[in-house]
Amino acid sequence: MGKKNNSKKRIRKKMEIWTEEQYEEYIMDLYDMDFVAGYTEGGLPYGNFINEDNNYVNDVKPSQRISNDDEEDIPF
């Protein structure tokens, strides 16, 4: 007589599939980033962090900013 096969059926959990844009938004929120330029070999994102952007804008004085209205002699 044959034995009864009492194997359990695999239960698949519902897995949410993200688009590339949704994944990048998640990464930007996770690492507090403004822009993801790319990923390292280890999978860590690099790009612009929100705090760095704010600090740069606050640190640069108006006199240090480049102005296109200046008519200085260009040596070339």
PDB file of N, CA and C in Angstrom:
ATOM      1  N   MET A   1       0.828  -1.158   0.000  1.00  0.00           N
ATOM      2  CA  MET A   1       0.000   0.000   0.000  1.00  0.00           C
ATOM      3  C   MET A   1       0.885   1.239   0.000  1.00  0.00           C
ATOM      4  N   GLY A   2       0.421   2.242  -0.721  1.00  0.00           N
ATOM      5  CA  GLY A   2       1.162   3.499  -0.831  1.00  0.00           C
ATOM      6  C   GLY A   2       0.950   4.378   0.388  1.00  0.00           C
ATOM      7  N   LYS A   3       1.992   5.066   0.734  1.00  0.00           N
ATOM      8  CA  LYS A   3       1.888   5.989   1.858  1.00  0.00           C
ATOM      9  C   LYS A   3       1.245   7.284   1.390  1.00  0.00           C
ATOM     10  N   LYS A   4       0.547   7.895   2.294  1.00  0.00           N
ATOM     11  CA  LYS A   4      -0.103   9.153   2.011  1.00  0.00           C
ATOM     12  C   LYS A   4       0.925  10.289   2.140  1.00  0.00           C
ATOM     13  N   ASN A   5       0.975  11.150   1.147  1.00  0.00           N
ATOM     14  CA  ASN A   5       1.914  12.257   1.166  1.00  0.00           C
ATOM     15  C   ASN A   5       1.270  13.424   1.900  1.00  0.00           C
ATOM     16  N   ASN A   6       1.771  13.707   3.072  1.00  0.00           N
ATOM     17  CA  ASN A   6       1.220  14.765   3.904  1.00  0.00           C
ATOM     18  C   ASN A   6       2.101  16.022   3.864  1.00  0.00           C
ATOM     19  N   SER A   7       2.556  16.390   2.690  1.00  0.00           N
ATOM     20  CA  SER A   7       3.396  17.593   2.605  1.00  0.00           C
ATOM     21  C   SER A   7       2.525  18.841   2.714  1.00  0.00           C
ATOM     22  N   LYS A   8       3.073  19.834   3.369  1.00  0.00           N
ATOM     23  CA  LYS A   8       2.338  21.080   3.540  1.00  0.00           C
ATOM     24  C   LYS A   8       2.479  21.929   2.280  1.00  0.00           C
ATOM     25  N   LYS A   9       1.416  22.571   1.936  1.00  0.00           N
ATOM     26  CA  LYS A   9       1.473  23.464   0.796  1.00  0.00           C
ATOM     27  C   LYS A   9       2.225  24.731   1.217  1.00  0.00           C
ATOM     28  N   ARG A  10       3.003  25.232   0.290  1.00  0.00           N
ATOM     29  CA  ARG A  10       3.725  26.467   0.577  1.00  0.00           C
ATOM     30  C   ARG A  10       2.749  27.636   0.527  1.00  0.00           C
ATOM     31  N   ILE A  11       2.873  28.461   1.513  1.00  0.00           N
ATOM     32  CA  ILE A  11       2.027  29.642   1.579  1.00  0.00           C
ATOM     33  C   ILE A  11       2.862  30.820   1.108  1.00  0.00           C
ATOM     34  N   ARG A  12       2.424  31.436   0.043  1.00  0.00           N
ATOM     35  CA  ARG A  12       3.146  32.594  -0.471  1.00  0.00           C
ATOM     36  C   ARG A  12       2.622  33.853   0.211  1.00  0.00           C
ATOM     37  N   LYS A  13       3.536  34.589   0.756  1.00  0.00           N
ATOM     38  CA  LYS A  13       3.167  35.858   1.365  1.00  0.00           C
ATOM     39  C   LYS A  13       3.070  36.897   0.258  1.00  0.00           C
ATOM     40  N   LYS A  14       2.122  37.781   0.422  1.00  0.00           N
ATOM     41  CA  LYS A  14       1.976  38.830  -0.571  1.00  0.00           C
ATOM     42  C   LYS A  14       3.167  39.767  -0.466  1.00  0.00           C
ATOM     43  N   MET A  15       3.875  39.933  -1.564  1.00  0.00           N
ATOM     44  CA  MET A  15       5.045  40.772  -1.601  1.00  0.00           C
ATOM     45  C   MET A  15       4.745  41.995  -2.465  1.00  0.00           C
ATOM     46  N   GLU A  16       5.033  43.149  -1.913  1.00  0.00           N
ATOM     47  CA  GLU A  16       4.790  44.384  -2.648  1.00  0.00           C
ATOM     48  C   GLU A  16       5.964  44.627  -3.599  1.00  0.00           C
ATOM     49  N   ILE A  17       5.668  44.920  -4.829  1.00  0.00           N
ATOM     50  CA  ILE A  17       6.697  45.194  -5.819  1.00  0.00           C
ATOM     51  C   ILE A  17       6.739  46.692  -6.056  1.00  0.00           C
ATOM     52  N   TRP A  18       7.945  47.286  -5.894  1.00  0.00           N
ATOM     53  CA  TRP A  18       8.125  48.715  -6.047  1.00  0.00           C
ATOM     54  C   TRP A  18       8.711  49.030  -7.414  1.00  0.00           C
ATOM     55  N   THR A  19       8.369  50.206  -7.901  1.00  0.00           N
ATOM     56  CA  THR A  19       9.017  50.690  -9.108  1.00  0.00           C
ATOM     57  C   THR A  19      10.350  51.314  -8.700  1.00  0.00           C
ATOM     58  N   GLU A  20      11.168  51.640  -9.680  1.00  0.00           N
ATOM     59  CA  GLU A  20      12.462  52.243  -9.388  1.00  0.00           C
ATOM     60  C   GLU A  20      12.297  53.593  -8.691  1.00  0.00           C
ATOM     61  N   GLU A  21      11.297  54.352  -9.101  1.00  0.00           N
ATOM     62  CA  GLU A  21      11.054  55.653  -8.493  1.00  0.00           C
ATOM     63  C   GLU A  21      10.633  55.511  -7.024  1.00  0.00           C
ATOM     64  N   GLN A  22       9.783  54.523  -6.735  1.00  0.00           N
ATOM     65  CA  GLN A  22       9.355  54.305  -5.352  1.00  0.00           C
ATOM     66  C   GLN A  22      10.535  53.894  -4.480  1.00  0.00           C
ATOM     67  N   TYR A  23      11.424  53.055  -5.025  1.00  0.00           N
ATOM     68  CA  TYR A  23      12.598  52.618  -4.274  1.00  0.00           C
ATOM     69  C   TYR A  23      13.522  53.798  -3.984  1.00  0.00           C
ATOM     70  N   GLU A  24      13.752  54.654  -4.976  1.00  0.00           N
ATOM     71  CA  GLU A  24      14.621  55.808  -4.767  1.00  0.00           C
ATOM     72  C   GLU A  24      14.022  56.781  -3.751  1.00  0.00           C
ATOM     73  N   GLU A  25      12.704  56.964  -3.775  1.00  0.00           N
ATOM     74  CA  GLU A  25      12.054  57.814  -2.778  1.00  0.00           C
ATOM     75  C   GLU A  25      12.244  57.233  -1.382  1.00  0.00           C
ATOM     76  N   TYR A  26      12.136  55.916  -1.245  1.00  0.00           N
ATOM     77  CA  TYR A  26      12.332  55.253   0.036  1.00  0.00           C
ATOM     78  C   TYR A  26      13.764  55.461   0.523  1.00  0.00           C
ATOM     79  N   ILE A  27      14.742  55.278  -0.357  1.00  0.00           N
ATOM     80  CA  ILE A  27      16.151  55.439  -0.001  1.00  0.00           C
ATOM     81  C   ILE A  27      16.435  56.889   0.388  1.00  0.00           C
ATOM     82  N   MET A  28      15.875  57.848  -0.372  1.00  0.00           N
ATOM     83  CA  MET A  28      16.097  59.257  -0.061  1.00  0.00           C
ATOM     84  C   MET A  28      15.533  59.605   1.310  1.00  0.00           C
ATOM     85  N   ASP A  29      14.372  59.072   1.652  1.00  0.00           N
ATOM     86  CA  ASP A  29      13.794  59.311   2.981  1.00  0.00           C
ATOM     87  C   ASP A  29      14.597  58.617   4.068  1.00  0.00           C
ATOM     88  N   LEU A  30      15.073  57.428   3.790  1.00  0.00           N
ATOM     89  CA  LEU A  30      15.820  56.649   4.771  1.00  0.00           C
ATOM     90  C   LEU A  30      17.136  57.317   5.134  1.00  0.00           C
ATOM     91  N   TYR A  31      17.874  57.804   4.130  1.00  0.00           N
ATOM     92  CA  TYR A  31      19.189  58.400   4.357  1.00  0.00           C
ATOM     93  C   TYR A  31      19.151  59.924   4.403  1.00  0.00           C
ATOM     94  N   ASP A  32      17.964  60.532   4.389  1.00  0.00           N
ATOM     95  CA  ASP A  32      17.803  61.987   4.434  1.00  0.00           C
ATOM     96  C   ASP A  32      18.564  62.647   3.285  1.00  0.00           C
ATOM     97  N   MET A  33      18.286  62.162   2.085  1.00  0.00           N
ATOM     98  CA  MET A  33      18.969  62.640   0.890  1.00  0.00           C
ATOM     99  C   MET A  33      18.028  63.459   0.025  1.00  0.00           C
ATOM    100  N   ASP A  34      18.621  64.383  -0.717  1.00  0.00           N
ATOM    101  CA  ASP A  34      17.883  65.210  -1.651  1.00  0.00           C
ATOM    102  C   ASP A  34      17.946  64.614  -3.058  1.00  0.00           C
ATOM    103  N   PHE A  35      19.066  63.967  -3.379  1.00  0.00           N
ATOM    104  CA  PHE A  35      19.287  63.412  -4.715  1.00  0.00           C
ATOM    105  C   PHE A  35      20.201  62.209  -4.607  1.00  0.00           C
ATOM    106  N   VAL A  36      19.850  61.114  -5.260  1.00  0.00           N
ATOM    107  CA  VAL A  36      20.688  59.919  -5.297  1.00  0.00           C
ATOM    108  C   VAL A  36      21.413  59.905  -6.636  1.00  0.00           C
ATOM    109  N   ALA A  37      22.743  60.061  -6.590  1.00  0.00           N
ATOM    110  CA  ALA A  37      23.541  60.089  -7.814  1.00  0.00           C
ATOM    111  C   ALA A  37      23.895  58.680  -8.277  1.00  0.00           C
ATOM    112  N   GLY A  38      24.006  57.747  -7.345  1.00  0.00           N
ATOM    113  CA  GLY A  38      24.367  56.380  -7.697  1.00  0.00           C
ATOM    114  C   GLY A  38      24.521  55.540  -6.444  1.00  0.00           C
ATOM    115  N   TYR A  39      25.062  54.351  -6.644  1.00  0.00           N
ATOM    116  CA  TYR A  39      25.242  53.417  -5.536  1.00  0.00           C
ATOM    117  C   TYR A  39      26.662  52.859  -5.555  1.00  0.00           C
ATOM    118  N   THR A  40      27.235  52.638  -4.377  1.00  0.00           N
ATOM    119  CA  THR A  40      28.563  52.041  -4.276  1.00  0.00           C
ATOM    120  C   THR A  40      28.460  50.552  -4.571  1.00  0.00           C
ATOM    121  N   GLU A  41      29.619  49.883  -4.633  1.00  0.00           N
ATOM    122  CA  GLU A  41      29.615  48.440  -4.870  1.00  0.00           C
ATOM    123  C   GLU A  41      28.903  47.696  -3.751  1.00  0.00           C
ATOM    124  N   GLY A  42      28.920  48.258  -2.557  1.00  0.00           N
ATOM    125  CA  GLY A  42      28.253  47.650  -1.404  1.00  0.00           C
ATOM    126  C   GLY A  42      26.765  47.933  -1.351  1.00  0.00           C
ATOM    127  N   GLY A  43      26.285  48.802  -2.240  1.00  0.00           N
ATOM    128  CA  GLY A  43      24.864  49.085  -2.296  1.00  0.00           C
ATOM    129  C   GLY A  43      24.424  50.343  -1.570  1.00  0.00           C
ATOM    130  N   LEU A  44      25.379  51.104  -1.016  1.00  0.00           N
ATOM    131  CA  LEU A  44      25.019  52.340  -0.326  1.00  0.00           C
ATOM    132  C   LEU A  44      24.862  53.476  -1.334  1.00  0.00           C
ATOM    133  N   PRO A  45      23.844  54.301  -1.138  1.00  0.00           N
ATOM    134  CA  PRO A  45      23.644  55.414  -2.077  1.00  0.00           C
ATOM    135  C   PRO A  45      24.602  56.566  -1.785  1.00  0.00           C
ATOM    136  N   TYR A  46      24.929  57.318  -2.835  1.00  0.00           N
ATOM    137  CA  TYR A  46      25.679  58.550  -2.650  1.00  0.00           C
ATOM    138  C   TYR A  46      25.021  59.632  -3.486  1.00  0.00           C
ATOM    139  N   GLY A  47      25.196  60.850  -3.048  1.00  0.00           N
ATOM    140  CA  GLY A  47      24.574  61.977  -3.724  1.00  0.00           C
ATOM    141  C   GLY A  47      24.530  63.167  -2.783  1.00  0.00           C
ATOM    142  N   ASN A  48      23.503  63.980  -2.904  1.00  0.00           N
ATOM    143  CA  ASN A  48      23.353  65.185  -2.079  1.00  0.00           C
ATOM    144  C   ASN A  48      22.477  64.888  -0.872  1.00  0.00           C
ATOM    145  N   PHE A  49      23.009  65.229   0.290  1.00  0.00           N
ATOM    146  CA  PHE A  49      22.236  65.108   1.514  1.00  0.00           C
ATOM    147  C   PHE A  49      21.559  66.440   1.802  1.00  0.00           C
ATOM    148  N   ILE A  50      20.380  66.405   2.366  1.00  0.00           N
ATOM    149  CA  ILE A  50      19.608  67.611   2.614  1.00  0.00           C
ATOM    150  C   ILE A  50      20.363  68.562   3.538  1.00  0.00           C
ATOM    151  N   ASN A  51      20.982  68.056   4.588  1.00  0.00           N
ATOM    152  CA  ASN A  51      21.716  68.903   5.530  1.00  0.00           C
ATOM    153  C   ASN A  51      22.899  69.590   4.873  1.00  0.00           C
ATOM    154  N   GLU A  52      23.591  68.895   3.958  1.00  0.00           N
ATOM    155  CA  GLU A  52      24.724  69.488   3.274  1.00  0.00           C
ATOM    156  C   GLU A  52      24.277  70.637   2.384  1.00  0.00           C
ATOM    157  N   ASP A  53      23.163  70.469   1.694  1.00  0.00           N
ATOM    158  CA  ASP A  53      22.658  71.527   0.825  1.00  0.00           C
ATOM    159  C   ASP A  53      22.305  72.765   1.632  1.00  0.00           C
ATOM    160  N   ASN A  54      21.612  72.582   2.743  1.00  0.00           N
ATOM    161  CA  ASN A  54      21.221  73.717   3.581  1.00  0.00           C
ATOM    162  C   ASN A  54      22.441  74.413   4.172  1.00  0.00           C
ATOM    163  N   ASN A  55      23.426  73.630   4.619  1.00  0.00           N
ATOM    164  CA  ASN A  55      24.638  74.225   5.194  1.00  0.00           C
ATOM    165  C   ASN A  55      25.408  75.009   4.145  1.00  0.00           C
ATOM    166  N   TYR A  56      25.483  74.491   2.926  1.00  0.00           N
ATOM    167  CA  TYR A  56      26.224  75.171   1.866  1.00  0.00           C
ATOM    168  C   TYR A  56      25.572  76.508   1.529  1.00  0.00           C
ATOM    169  N   VAL A  57      24.283  76.528   1.396  1.00  0.00           N
ATOM    170  CA  VAL A  57      23.575  77.773   1.059  1.00  0.00           C
ATOM    171  C   VAL A  57      23.727  78.783   2.186  1.00  0.00           C
ATOM    172  N   ASN A  58      23.691  78.325   3.419  1.00  0.00           N
ATOM    173  CA  ASN A  58      23.809  79.244   4.552  1.00  0.00           C
ATOM    174  C   ASN A  58      25.239  79.723   4.756  1.00  0.00           C
ATOM    175  N   ASP A  59      26.246  78.916   4.400  1.00  0.00           N
ATOM    176  CA  ASP A  59      27.644  79.273   4.618  1.00  0.00           C
ATOM    177  C   ASP A  59      28.190  80.227   3.566  1.00  0.00           C
ATOM    178  N   VAL A  60      27.690  80.164   2.362  1.00  0.00           N
ATOM    179  CA  VAL A  60      28.211  81.012   1.288  1.00  0.00           C
ATOM    180  C   VAL A  60      27.628  82.403   1.412  1.00  0.00           C
ATOM    181  N   LYS A  61      28.509  83.368   1.505  1.00  0.00           N
ATOM    182  CA  LYS A  61      28.085  84.761   1.629  1.00  0.00           C
ATOM    183  C   LYS A  61      27.694  85.302   0.259  1.00  0.00           C
ATOM    184  N   PRO A  62      26.792  86.245   0.219  1.00  0.00           N
ATOM    185  CA  PRO A  62      26.386  86.809  -1.078  1.00  0.00           C
ATOM    186  C   PRO A  62      27.552  87.372  -1.883  1.00  0.00           C
ATOM    187  N   SER A  63      28.589  87.898  -1.216  1.00  0.00           N
ATOM    188  CA  SER A  63      29.743  88.440  -1.934  1.00  0.00           C
ATOM    189  C   SER A  63      30.590  87.341  -2.571  1.00  0.00           C
ATOM    190  N   GLN A  64      30.469  86.098  -2.078  1.00  0.00           N
ATOM    191  CA  GLN A  64      31.232  84.985  -2.625  1.00  0.00           C
ATOM    192  C   GLN A  64      30.519  84.297  -3.785  1.00  0.00           C
ATOM    193  N   ARG A  65      29.252  84.581  -3.951  1.00  0.00           N
ATOM    194  CA  ARG A  65      28.495  83.926  -5.008  1.00  0.00           C
ATOM    195  C   ARG A  65      28.907  84.484  -6.363  1.00  0.00           C
ATOM    196  N   ILE A  66      28.897  83.651  -7.363  1.00  0.00           N
ATOM    197  CA  ILE A  66      29.281  84.050  -8.709  1.00  0.00           C
ATOM    198  C   ILE A  66      28.138  84.827  -9.342  1.00  0.00           C
ATOM    199  N   SER A  67      28.476  85.933  -9.929  1.00  0.00           N
ATOM    200  CA  SER A  67      27.478  86.749 -10.584  1.00  0.00           C
ATOM    201  C   SER A  67      27.793  86.815 -12.071  1.00  0.00           C
ATOM    202  N   ASN A  68      26.805  86.669 -12.896  1.00  0.00           N
ATOM    203  CA  ASN A  68      26.999  86.743 -14.341  1.00  0.00           C
ATOM    204  C   ASN A  68      27.021  88.176 -14.843  1.00  0.00           C
ATOM    205  N   ASP A  69      26.700  89.134 -13.973  1.00  0.00           N
ATOM    206  CA  ASP A  69      26.642  90.522 -14.381  1.00  0.00           C
ATOM    207  C   ASP A  69      28.004  91.201 -14.354  1.00  0.00           C
ATOM    208  N   ASP A  70      28.982  90.566 -13.709  1.00  0.00           N
ATOM    209  CA  ASP A  70      30.309  91.162 -13.638  1.00  0.00           C
ATOM    210  C   ASP A  70      30.957  91.160 -15.020  1.00  0.00           C
ATOM    211  N   GLU A  71      31.516  92.315 -15.387  1.00  0.00           N
ATOM    212  CA  GLU A  71      32.200  92.408 -16.671  1.00  0.00           C
ATOM    213  C   GLU A  71      33.693  92.544 -16.414  1.00  0.00           C
ATOM    214  N   GLU A  72      34.266  91.504 -15.859  1.00  0.00           N
ATOM    215  CA  GLU A  72      35.684  91.505 -15.571  1.00  0.00           C
ATOM    216  C   GLU A  72      36.440  91.006 -16.789  1.00  0.00           C
ATOM    217  N   ASP A  73      37.682  91.421 -16.885  1.00  0.00           N
ATOM    218  CA  ASP A  73      38.508  90.945 -17.994  1.00  0.00           C
ATOM    219  C   ASP A  73      38.859  89.488 -17.766  1.00  0.00           C
ATOM    220  N   ILE A  74      38.566  88.701 -18.751  1.00  0.00           N
ATOM    221  CA  ILE A  74      38.880  87.274 -18.683  1.00  0.00           C
ATOM    222  C   ILE A  74      40.204  87.077 -19.415  1.00  0.00           C
ATOM    223  N   PRO A  75      41.170  86.400 -18.796  1.00  0.00           N
ATOM    224  CA  PRO A  75      42.522  86.330 -19.362  1.00  0.00           C
ATOM    225  C   PRO A  75      42.670  85.396 -20.576  1.00  0.00           C
ATOM    226  N   PHE A  76      41.630  84.998 -21.198  1.00  0.00           N
ATOM    227  CA  PHE A  76      41.791  84.153 -22.388  1.00  0.00           C
ATOM    228  C   PHE A  76      40.943  84.619 -23.517  1.00  0.00           C
TER     229      PHE A  76
END
